[in-house]
N, C-alpha and C. Protein backbone atom coordinates (compact mmCIF):
# COMPACT_ATOMS: atom_id res chain seq x y z
N UNK A 1 172.87 54.71 171.01
CA UNK A 1 171.51 54.29 170.76
C UNK A 1 171.47 53.54 169.45
N UNK A 2 170.79 52.46 169.42
CA UNK A 2 170.63 51.66 168.20
C UNK A 2 169.41 52.15 167.44
N UNK A 3 169.57 52.31 166.12
CA UNK A 3 168.47 52.79 165.29
C UNK A 3 167.80 51.59 164.65
N UNK A 4 166.50 51.52 164.77
CA UNK A 4 165.74 50.43 164.17
C UNK A 4 165.59 50.67 162.68
N UNK A 5 165.53 49.58 161.91
CA UNK A 5 165.38 49.68 160.46
C UNK A 5 164.12 50.47 160.10
N UNK A 6 163.09 50.38 160.90
CA UNK A 6 161.83 51.10 160.64
C UNK A 6 162.04 52.61 160.70
N UNK A 7 163.01 53.05 161.54
CA UNK A 7 163.28 54.48 161.67
C UNK A 7 164.22 54.98 160.56
N UNK A 8 164.69 54.08 159.77
CA UNK A 8 165.71 54.38 158.75
C UNK A 8 165.05 54.44 157.38
N UNK A 9 164.68 55.65 156.94
CA UNK A 9 164.03 55.80 155.63
C UNK A 9 165.04 56.36 154.63
N UNK A 10 165.60 55.45 153.81
CA UNK A 10 166.65 55.83 152.85
C UNK A 10 166.21 55.53 151.42
N UNK A 11 164.95 55.29 151.19
CA UNK A 11 164.41 55.00 149.86
C UNK A 11 165.12 53.84 149.18
N UNK A 12 165.62 52.90 149.97
CA UNK A 12 166.27 51.72 149.41
C UNK A 12 167.69 51.95 148.95
N UNK A 13 168.25 53.13 149.21
CA UNK A 13 169.61 53.43 148.77
C UNK A 13 170.64 53.19 149.88
N UNK A 14 170.19 52.81 151.05
CA UNK A 14 171.06 52.44 152.16
C UNK A 14 170.25 51.62 153.14
N UNK A 15 170.92 50.71 153.87
CA UNK A 15 170.22 49.97 154.91
C UNK A 15 170.87 50.24 156.26
N UNK A 16 171.66 51.32 156.33
CA UNK A 16 172.31 51.69 157.58
C UNK A 16 172.00 53.14 157.91
N UNK A 17 171.68 53.37 159.17
CA UNK A 17 171.40 54.72 159.64
C UNK A 17 172.18 54.99 160.91
N UNK A 18 172.29 56.26 161.22
CA UNK A 18 172.98 56.67 162.42
C UNK A 18 172.16 57.77 163.09
N UNK A 19 172.14 57.72 164.42
CA UNK A 19 171.43 58.75 165.19
C UNK A 19 172.43 59.82 165.57
N UNK A 20 172.15 61.06 165.24
CA UNK A 20 173.01 62.18 165.61
C UNK A 20 172.35 62.86 166.80
N UNK A 21 172.93 62.60 167.96
CA UNK A 21 172.34 62.99 169.24
C UNK A 21 172.12 64.49 169.36
N UNK A 22 173.17 65.29 169.08
CA UNK A 22 173.05 66.74 169.31
C UNK A 22 172.06 67.40 168.34
N UNK A 23 171.75 66.76 167.22
CA UNK A 23 170.74 67.28 166.29
C UNK A 23 169.40 66.58 166.46
N UNK A 24 169.42 65.44 167.17
CA UNK A 24 168.22 64.63 167.39
C UNK A 24 167.59 64.19 166.06
N UNK A 25 168.48 63.71 165.14
CA UNK A 25 167.96 63.21 163.85
C UNK A 25 168.58 61.86 163.54
N UNK A 26 167.89 61.13 162.70
CA UNK A 26 168.40 59.88 162.16
C UNK A 26 168.81 60.16 160.72
N UNK A 27 170.01 59.75 160.36
CA UNK A 27 170.48 60.00 158.99
C UNK A 27 171.01 58.72 158.36
N UNK A 28 170.80 58.59 157.08
CA UNK A 28 171.28 57.42 156.33
C UNK A 28 172.80 57.48 156.21
N UNK A 29 173.42 56.31 156.19
CA UNK A 29 174.87 56.19 156.07
C UNK A 29 175.18 55.41 154.79
N UNK A 30 176.20 55.84 154.06
CA UNK A 30 176.66 55.16 152.85
C UNK A 30 175.56 55.01 151.80
N UNK A 31 175.00 56.13 151.37
CA UNK A 31 173.98 56.11 150.32
C UNK A 31 174.57 55.54 149.02
N UNK A 32 173.79 54.74 148.33
CA UNK A 32 174.20 54.13 147.06
C UNK A 32 173.45 54.79 145.91
N UNK A 33 173.73 54.31 144.71
CA UNK A 33 173.05 54.73 143.47
C UNK A 33 173.21 56.23 143.21
N UNK A 34 174.39 56.76 143.59
CA UNK A 34 174.73 58.17 143.36
C UNK A 34 173.81 59.14 144.09
N UNK A 35 173.30 58.70 145.24
CA UNK A 35 172.45 59.55 146.06
C UNK A 35 173.23 60.05 147.27
N UNK A 36 172.68 61.07 147.93
CA UNK A 36 173.26 61.63 149.15
C UNK A 36 172.13 62.29 149.94
N UNK A 37 172.43 62.73 151.13
CA UNK A 37 171.46 63.45 151.95
C UNK A 37 171.01 62.64 153.15
N UNK A 38 170.29 63.28 154.03
CA UNK A 38 169.82 62.65 155.25
C UNK A 38 169.04 61.37 154.97
N UNK A 39 168.25 61.37 153.92
CA UNK A 39 167.44 60.20 153.55
C UNK A 39 167.82 59.68 152.16
N UNK A 40 169.03 59.96 151.72
CA UNK A 40 169.48 59.58 150.37
C UNK A 40 168.49 60.09 149.32
N UNK A 41 167.98 61.29 149.53
CA UNK A 41 166.95 61.85 148.67
C UNK A 41 167.49 62.83 147.63
N UNK A 42 168.78 63.16 147.71
CA UNK A 42 169.40 64.08 146.75
C UNK A 42 170.40 63.31 145.90
N UNK A 43 170.78 63.90 144.77
CA UNK A 43 171.80 63.29 143.91
C UNK A 43 173.17 63.85 144.28
N UNK A 44 174.19 63.02 144.13
CA UNK A 44 175.56 63.46 144.34
C UNK A 44 175.92 64.53 143.32
N UNK A 45 176.96 65.31 143.62
CA UNK A 45 177.45 66.30 142.66
C UNK A 45 177.89 65.57 141.40
N UNK A 46 177.57 66.13 140.25
CA UNK A 46 177.89 65.49 138.97
C UNK A 46 176.74 64.63 138.47
N UNK A 47 175.62 64.61 139.20
CA UNK A 47 174.42 63.84 138.84
C UNK A 47 173.19 64.74 139.00
N UNK A 48 172.11 64.39 138.31
CA UNK A 48 170.86 65.13 138.47
C UNK A 48 169.70 64.15 138.57
N UNK A 49 168.58 64.63 139.09
CA UNK A 49 167.41 63.80 139.37
C UNK A 49 166.72 63.40 138.09
N UNK A 50 166.52 62.10 137.91
CA UNK A 50 165.76 61.55 136.80
C UNK A 50 164.28 61.78 137.10
N UNK A 51 163.67 62.72 136.36
CA UNK A 51 162.28 63.11 136.64
C UNK A 51 161.29 61.97 136.40
N UNK A 52 161.66 61.00 135.57
CA UNK A 52 160.72 59.92 135.27
C UNK A 52 160.87 58.72 136.22
N UNK A 53 161.80 58.82 137.18
CA UNK A 53 162.01 57.70 138.13
C UNK A 53 161.51 58.08 139.51
N UNK A 54 160.99 57.09 140.22
CA UNK A 54 160.58 57.30 141.60
C UNK A 54 161.81 57.44 142.47
N UNK A 55 161.65 58.04 143.64
CA UNK A 55 162.78 58.28 144.53
C UNK A 55 163.46 56.99 145.00
N UNK A 56 162.72 55.87 145.01
CA UNK A 56 163.32 54.61 145.44
C UNK A 56 163.91 53.79 144.28
N UNK A 57 163.90 54.35 143.07
CA UNK A 57 164.45 53.68 141.89
C UNK A 57 165.98 53.75 141.92
N UNK A 58 166.66 52.69 141.53
CA UNK A 58 168.13 52.68 141.48
C UNK A 58 168.66 53.69 140.46
N UNK A 59 167.87 54.03 139.46
CA UNK A 59 168.28 54.98 138.41
C UNK A 59 167.73 56.38 138.65
N UNK A 60 167.53 56.74 139.91
CA UNK A 60 166.96 58.04 140.24
C UNK A 60 167.93 59.18 139.91
N UNK A 61 169.22 58.91 139.91
CA UNK A 61 170.22 59.94 139.63
C UNK A 61 170.98 59.60 138.35
N UNK A 62 171.02 60.56 137.44
CA UNK A 62 171.66 60.39 136.14
C UNK A 62 172.93 61.25 136.11
N UNK A 63 174.00 60.71 135.56
CA UNK A 63 175.25 61.45 135.47
C UNK A 63 175.10 62.64 134.52
N UNK A 64 175.68 63.77 134.89
CA UNK A 64 175.58 65.00 134.09
C UNK A 64 176.30 64.85 132.74
N UNK A 65 177.46 64.24 132.70
CA UNK A 65 178.26 64.08 131.48
C UNK A 65 178.55 65.40 130.79
N UNK A 66 178.93 66.40 131.56
CA UNK A 66 179.28 67.70 130.99
C UNK A 66 180.57 67.54 130.19
N UNK A 67 180.64 68.19 129.03
CA UNK A 67 181.85 68.15 128.22
C UNK A 67 182.94 68.91 128.95
N UNK A 68 184.05 68.26 129.21
CA UNK A 68 185.13 68.85 130.00
C UNK A 68 185.73 70.08 129.34
N UNK A 69 185.76 70.12 128.02
CA UNK A 69 186.36 71.26 127.32
C UNK A 69 185.41 72.44 127.23
N UNK A 70 184.11 72.18 127.21
CA UNK A 70 183.15 73.26 127.02
C UNK A 70 182.46 73.73 128.29
N UNK A 71 182.54 72.95 129.38
CA UNK A 71 181.82 73.33 130.60
C UNK A 71 182.76 73.85 131.68
N UNK A 72 182.20 74.62 132.59
CA UNK A 72 182.96 75.22 133.68
C UNK A 72 183.40 74.14 134.66
N UNK A 73 182.52 73.16 134.93
CA UNK A 73 182.81 72.06 135.85
C UNK A 73 181.93 70.87 135.48
N UNK A 74 182.01 69.79 136.23
CA UNK A 74 181.27 68.56 135.88
C UNK A 74 179.89 68.48 136.51
N UNK A 75 179.42 69.56 137.14
CA UNK A 75 178.09 69.56 137.76
C UNK A 75 177.08 70.19 136.82
N UNK A 76 175.83 69.78 136.98
CA UNK A 76 174.76 70.34 136.17
C UNK A 76 173.61 70.77 137.09
N UNK A 77 172.64 71.45 136.50
CA UNK A 77 171.49 71.85 137.32
C UNK A 77 170.50 70.69 137.42
N UNK A 78 169.37 70.92 138.02
CA UNK A 78 168.39 69.87 138.27
C UNK A 78 167.76 69.27 137.03
N UNK A 79 167.93 69.92 135.89
CA UNK A 79 167.37 69.37 134.65
C UNK A 79 168.45 68.80 133.74
N UNK A 80 169.70 68.76 134.22
CA UNK A 80 170.77 68.15 133.45
C UNK A 80 171.59 69.10 132.61
N UNK A 81 171.32 70.41 132.70
CA UNK A 81 172.08 71.38 131.91
C UNK A 81 173.35 71.78 132.64
N UNK A 82 174.47 71.73 131.93
CA UNK A 82 175.78 72.06 132.48
C UNK A 82 176.02 73.56 132.34
N UNK A 83 176.92 74.10 133.16
CA UNK A 83 177.30 75.51 133.06
C UNK A 83 178.42 75.63 132.03
N UNK A 84 178.13 76.32 130.92
CA UNK A 84 179.07 76.38 129.79
C UNK A 84 180.05 77.54 129.92
N UNK A 85 181.23 77.34 129.35
CA UNK A 85 182.22 78.41 129.22
C UNK A 85 181.77 79.35 128.12
N UNK A 86 182.41 80.51 128.02
CA UNK A 86 182.08 81.48 126.97
C UNK A 86 182.18 80.82 125.59
N UNK A 87 181.15 81.01 124.79
CA UNK A 87 181.13 80.50 123.42
C UNK A 87 180.55 79.11 123.29
N UNK A 88 180.48 78.34 124.39
CA UNK A 88 179.95 76.98 124.34
C UNK A 88 178.43 77.00 124.57
N UNK A 89 177.76 75.96 124.05
CA UNK A 89 176.31 75.89 124.16
C UNK A 89 175.86 74.44 124.24
N UNK A 90 174.58 74.24 124.49
CA UNK A 90 174.00 72.91 124.56
C UNK A 90 173.92 72.41 125.98
N UNK A 91 173.10 71.40 126.20
CA UNK A 91 172.90 70.85 127.55
C UNK A 91 174.21 70.36 128.15
N UNK A 92 175.07 69.78 127.35
CA UNK A 92 176.33 69.22 127.83
C UNK A 92 177.53 70.12 127.51
N UNK A 93 177.26 71.31 126.92
CA UNK A 93 178.30 72.27 126.52
C UNK A 93 179.24 71.68 125.47
N UNK A 94 178.67 70.93 124.55
CA UNK A 94 179.49 70.30 123.51
C UNK A 94 179.22 70.89 122.13
N UNK A 95 178.55 72.04 122.07
CA UNK A 95 178.33 72.79 120.83
C UNK A 95 178.88 74.19 121.02
N UNK A 96 179.01 74.92 119.91
CA UNK A 96 179.47 76.30 119.98
C UNK A 96 178.37 77.24 119.51
N UNK A 97 178.35 78.42 120.10
CA UNK A 97 177.42 79.47 119.67
C UNK A 97 177.84 79.98 118.30
N UNK A 98 176.92 80.62 117.56
CA UNK A 98 177.32 81.23 116.28
C UNK A 98 178.46 82.23 116.52
N UNK A 99 179.43 82.22 115.63
CA UNK A 99 180.59 83.10 115.78
C UNK A 99 181.76 82.42 116.48
N UNK A 100 181.58 81.14 116.82
CA UNK A 100 182.64 80.37 117.48
C UNK A 100 182.86 79.07 116.71
N UNK A 101 184.05 78.50 116.84
CA UNK A 101 184.36 77.21 116.23
C UNK A 101 184.89 76.28 117.30
N UNK A 102 184.74 74.97 117.09
CA UNK A 102 185.17 73.97 118.07
C UNK A 102 186.58 73.48 117.77
N UNK A 103 187.46 73.57 118.74
CA UNK A 103 188.80 73.00 118.66
C UNK A 103 189.24 72.74 120.10
N UNK A 104 188.82 71.58 120.64
CA UNK A 104 189.05 71.26 122.05
C UNK A 104 188.48 72.37 122.93
N UNK A 105 187.28 72.81 122.64
CA UNK A 105 186.60 73.93 123.30
C UNK A 105 186.15 74.90 122.23
N UNK A 106 185.39 75.91 122.61
CA UNK A 106 184.87 76.89 121.65
C UNK A 106 185.75 78.14 121.65
N UNK A 107 186.16 78.54 120.45
CA UNK A 107 186.98 79.72 120.28
C UNK A 107 186.29 80.66 119.29
N UNK A 108 186.45 81.95 119.54
CA UNK A 108 185.84 82.96 118.69
C UNK A 108 186.41 82.87 117.28
N UNK A 109 185.53 82.99 116.28
CA UNK A 109 185.98 82.99 114.89
C UNK A 109 186.93 84.15 114.67
N UNK A 110 188.02 83.89 113.97
CA UNK A 110 188.92 84.96 113.55
C UNK A 110 188.29 85.65 112.35
N UNK A 111 187.68 84.85 111.48
CA UNK A 111 187.03 85.39 110.29
C UNK A 111 185.85 84.49 109.94
N UNK A 112 184.95 85.02 109.14
CA UNK A 112 183.84 84.22 108.61
C UNK A 112 183.37 84.87 107.32
N UNK A 113 182.34 84.34 106.73
CA UNK A 113 181.88 84.86 105.45
C UNK A 113 180.78 85.91 105.60
N UNK A 114 180.44 86.29 106.86
CA UNK A 114 179.33 87.22 107.05
C UNK A 114 179.75 88.54 107.68
N UNK A 115 180.45 88.46 108.82
CA UNK A 115 180.76 89.70 109.54
C UNK A 115 182.26 90.00 109.61
N UNK A 116 183.06 89.02 109.92
CA UNK A 116 184.50 89.24 110.07
C UNK A 116 185.20 88.84 108.78
N UNK A 117 185.13 89.71 107.80
CA UNK A 117 185.67 89.40 106.49
C UNK A 117 187.15 89.71 106.42
N UNK A 118 187.90 88.84 105.78
CA UNK A 118 189.31 89.11 105.50
C UNK A 118 189.34 90.28 104.51
N UNK A 119 190.27 91.18 104.72
CA UNK A 119 190.35 92.39 103.89
C UNK A 119 191.39 92.22 102.79
N UNK A 120 191.38 93.15 101.85
CA UNK A 120 192.39 93.26 100.78
C UNK A 120 192.61 91.97 100.00
N UNK A 121 191.52 91.23 99.75
CA UNK A 121 191.61 90.03 98.94
C UNK A 121 192.02 88.78 99.70
N UNK A 122 192.08 88.85 101.04
CA UNK A 122 192.41 87.68 101.84
C UNK A 122 191.24 86.70 101.86
N UNK A 123 191.53 85.42 102.09
CA UNK A 123 190.47 84.41 102.15
C UNK A 123 190.46 83.77 103.53
N UNK A 124 189.27 83.47 104.00
CA UNK A 124 189.09 82.89 105.34
C UNK A 124 189.26 81.38 105.26
N UNK A 125 190.13 80.82 106.09
CA UNK A 125 190.39 79.38 106.13
C UNK A 125 189.81 78.80 107.42
N UNK A 126 188.70 78.05 107.33
CA UNK A 126 188.05 77.34 108.43
C UNK A 126 187.73 78.24 109.62
N UNK A 127 187.39 79.49 109.37
CA UNK A 127 187.03 80.48 110.39
C UNK A 127 188.16 80.75 111.38
N UNK A 128 189.35 80.24 111.11
CA UNK A 128 190.44 80.33 112.08
C UNK A 128 191.56 81.24 111.64
N UNK A 129 191.66 81.52 110.33
CA UNK A 129 192.82 82.28 109.86
C UNK A 129 192.53 82.90 108.49
N UNK A 130 192.94 84.16 108.33
CA UNK A 130 192.89 84.79 107.02
C UNK A 130 194.18 84.47 106.28
N UNK A 131 194.06 84.01 105.06
CA UNK A 131 195.22 83.79 104.21
C UNK A 131 195.35 85.03 103.34
N UNK A 132 196.42 85.78 103.57
CA UNK A 132 196.59 87.09 102.96
C UNK A 132 197.37 87.01 101.66
N UNK A 133 197.09 87.94 100.72
CA UNK A 133 197.94 88.07 99.53
C UNK A 133 199.33 88.51 100.01
N UNK A 134 200.38 88.28 99.18
CA UNK A 134 201.76 88.56 99.62
C UNK A 134 202.00 90.00 100.09
N UNK A 135 201.25 90.95 99.56
CA UNK A 135 201.52 92.34 99.90
C UNK A 135 200.79 92.84 101.16
N UNK A 136 200.03 91.93 101.83
CA UNK A 136 199.31 92.32 103.04
C UNK A 136 199.59 91.37 104.18
N UNK A 137 199.39 91.86 105.41
CA UNK A 137 199.59 91.05 106.61
C UNK A 137 198.57 91.48 107.66
N UNK A 138 198.58 90.79 108.81
CA UNK A 138 197.65 91.10 109.90
C UNK A 138 196.59 90.03 110.02
N UNK A 139 195.89 90.03 111.15
CA UNK A 139 194.89 89.01 111.42
C UNK A 139 193.82 88.96 110.33
N UNK A 140 193.40 90.14 109.86
CA UNK A 140 192.37 90.21 108.81
C UNK A 140 192.95 90.76 107.51
N UNK A 141 194.27 90.64 107.30
CA UNK A 141 194.96 91.15 106.11
C UNK A 141 194.77 92.66 105.97
N UNK A 142 194.69 93.36 107.09
CA UNK A 142 194.37 94.79 107.08
C UNK A 142 195.61 95.68 106.98
N UNK A 143 196.82 95.12 107.11
CA UNK A 143 198.03 95.94 107.07
C UNK A 143 198.83 95.67 105.80
N UNK A 144 199.33 96.75 105.22
CA UNK A 144 200.19 96.63 104.05
C UNK A 144 201.58 96.23 104.51
N UNK A 145 202.22 95.35 103.74
CA UNK A 145 203.61 94.98 104.06
C UNK A 145 204.57 96.09 103.68
N UNK A 146 204.12 97.02 102.82
CA UNK A 146 204.97 98.10 102.34
C UNK A 146 204.94 99.25 103.34
N UNK A 147 206.09 99.84 103.56
CA UNK A 147 206.17 100.99 104.44
C UNK A 147 205.87 102.24 103.62
N UNK A 148 205.37 103.28 104.26
CA UNK A 148 205.01 104.52 103.57
C UNK A 148 206.21 105.10 102.83
N UNK A 149 205.99 105.54 101.59
CA UNK A 149 207.02 106.19 100.81
C UNK A 149 207.95 105.25 100.07
N UNK A 150 207.78 103.94 100.16
CA UNK A 150 208.65 102.99 99.46
C UNK A 150 207.90 102.38 98.29
N UNK A 151 208.64 102.02 97.27
CA UNK A 151 208.05 101.38 96.11
C UNK A 151 207.80 99.91 96.44
N UNK A 152 206.53 99.52 96.45
CA UNK A 152 206.17 98.15 96.82
C UNK A 152 205.92 97.27 95.61
N UNK A 153 206.05 97.83 94.42
CA UNK A 153 205.76 97.03 93.24
C UNK A 153 206.90 96.07 92.91
N UNK A 154 208.10 96.41 93.36
CA UNK A 154 209.25 95.54 93.08
C UNK A 154 209.21 94.33 94.01
N UNK A 155 209.86 93.27 93.56
CA UNK A 155 209.93 92.07 94.38
C UNK A 155 210.74 92.37 95.64
N UNK A 156 210.42 91.74 96.73
CA UNK A 156 211.18 92.00 97.96
C UNK A 156 212.63 91.56 97.78
N UNK A 157 213.56 92.28 98.40
CA UNK A 157 214.99 91.93 98.24
C UNK A 157 215.26 90.56 98.85
N UNK A 158 216.20 89.86 98.25
CA UNK A 158 216.57 88.54 98.72
C UNK A 158 217.72 88.70 99.72
N UNK A 159 217.52 88.25 100.93
CA UNK A 159 218.55 88.33 101.96
C UNK A 159 219.03 86.92 102.26
N UNK A 160 220.32 86.70 102.06
CA UNK A 160 220.90 85.39 102.35
C UNK A 160 221.72 85.50 103.63
N UNK A 161 221.64 84.48 104.42
CA UNK A 161 222.42 84.47 105.64
C UNK A 161 223.89 84.19 105.31
N UNK A 162 224.75 84.46 106.25
CA UNK A 162 226.18 84.21 106.07
C UNK A 162 226.42 82.73 105.80
N UNK A 163 225.71 81.87 106.50
CA UNK A 163 225.87 80.43 106.30
C UNK A 163 225.46 80.03 104.88
N UNK A 164 224.39 80.62 104.37
CA UNK A 164 223.94 80.30 103.01
C UNK A 164 224.96 80.78 101.98
N UNK A 165 225.52 81.97 102.18
CA UNK A 165 226.54 82.48 101.26
C UNK A 165 227.79 81.60 101.28
N UNK A 166 228.21 81.14 102.45
CA UNK A 166 229.36 80.27 102.59
C UNK A 166 229.11 78.95 101.87
N UNK A 167 227.91 78.39 102.03
CA UNK A 167 227.55 77.14 101.38
C UNK A 167 227.58 77.30 99.86
N UNK A 168 227.06 78.41 99.35
CA UNK A 168 227.08 78.66 97.90
C UNK A 168 228.52 78.76 97.38
N UNK A 169 229.37 79.44 98.12
CA UNK A 169 230.78 79.59 97.72
C UNK A 169 231.46 78.23 97.68
N UNK A 170 231.23 77.39 98.71
CA UNK A 170 231.83 76.06 98.74
C UNK A 170 231.35 75.20 97.58
N UNK A 171 230.05 75.26 97.28
CA UNK A 171 229.50 74.49 96.16
C UNK A 171 230.09 74.96 94.83
N UNK A 172 230.23 76.26 94.67
CA UNK A 172 230.81 76.81 93.44
C UNK A 172 232.26 76.34 93.27
N UNK A 173 233.02 76.37 94.36
CA UNK A 173 234.42 75.91 94.31
C UNK A 173 234.48 74.42 93.99
N UNK A 174 233.61 73.62 94.56
CA UNK A 174 233.57 72.19 94.31
C UNK A 174 233.24 71.92 92.84
N UNK A 175 232.28 72.64 92.31
CA UNK A 175 231.92 72.47 90.89
C UNK A 175 233.09 72.85 89.98
N UNK A 176 233.82 73.89 90.34
CA UNK A 176 234.98 74.31 89.54
C UNK A 176 236.05 73.24 89.52
N UNK A 177 236.23 72.52 90.64
CA UNK A 177 237.27 71.49 90.69
C UNK A 177 236.82 70.24 89.95
N UNK A 178 235.53 69.99 89.86
CA UNK A 178 235.03 68.79 89.17
C UNK A 178 234.84 69.00 87.67
N UNK A 179 234.67 70.21 87.25
CA UNK A 179 234.44 70.50 85.85
C UNK A 179 235.77 70.56 85.12
N UNK A 180 235.93 69.80 84.01
CA UNK A 180 237.18 69.87 83.23
C UNK A 180 237.29 71.23 82.53
N UNK A 181 238.51 71.76 82.50
CA UNK A 181 238.74 73.08 81.87
C UNK A 181 239.24 72.93 80.49
């Protein structure tokens, strides 16, 4: 059956229709302007309806532009808001919630100046790392480097590898041969 143009209501986003016999409906074919649906009345995935445009406007569907690092996928809801990953915020998921920092996505602060304080004199570096004094270790400088019952006031022992000792011996021998006696 041939479908007449008058029976084809696609809001100007297609000029071709097809009759689906078993459903007894006429549907638009090859919708343009990022539209889809029986009458090209919906937006394609990854686009949302421009509330200020009429349905027959070429700009009726606007791209979501979800931030790939902060959003779950590239689709948004009907008002253009993307579904954000944990810690991400904003319409496009390109901001971080308080307590998170941005580094190709939102990551929980390791430390900050309000709640997650570095301990034992450690300082917080860009909310990402505690810089610990030499005698402490751990994510928040919470662990002593000294083991129980040992004197930690002395400088740590110097351990040289076998290769380093061999190199020192060779250098000493070379200096002895070059130095006049």
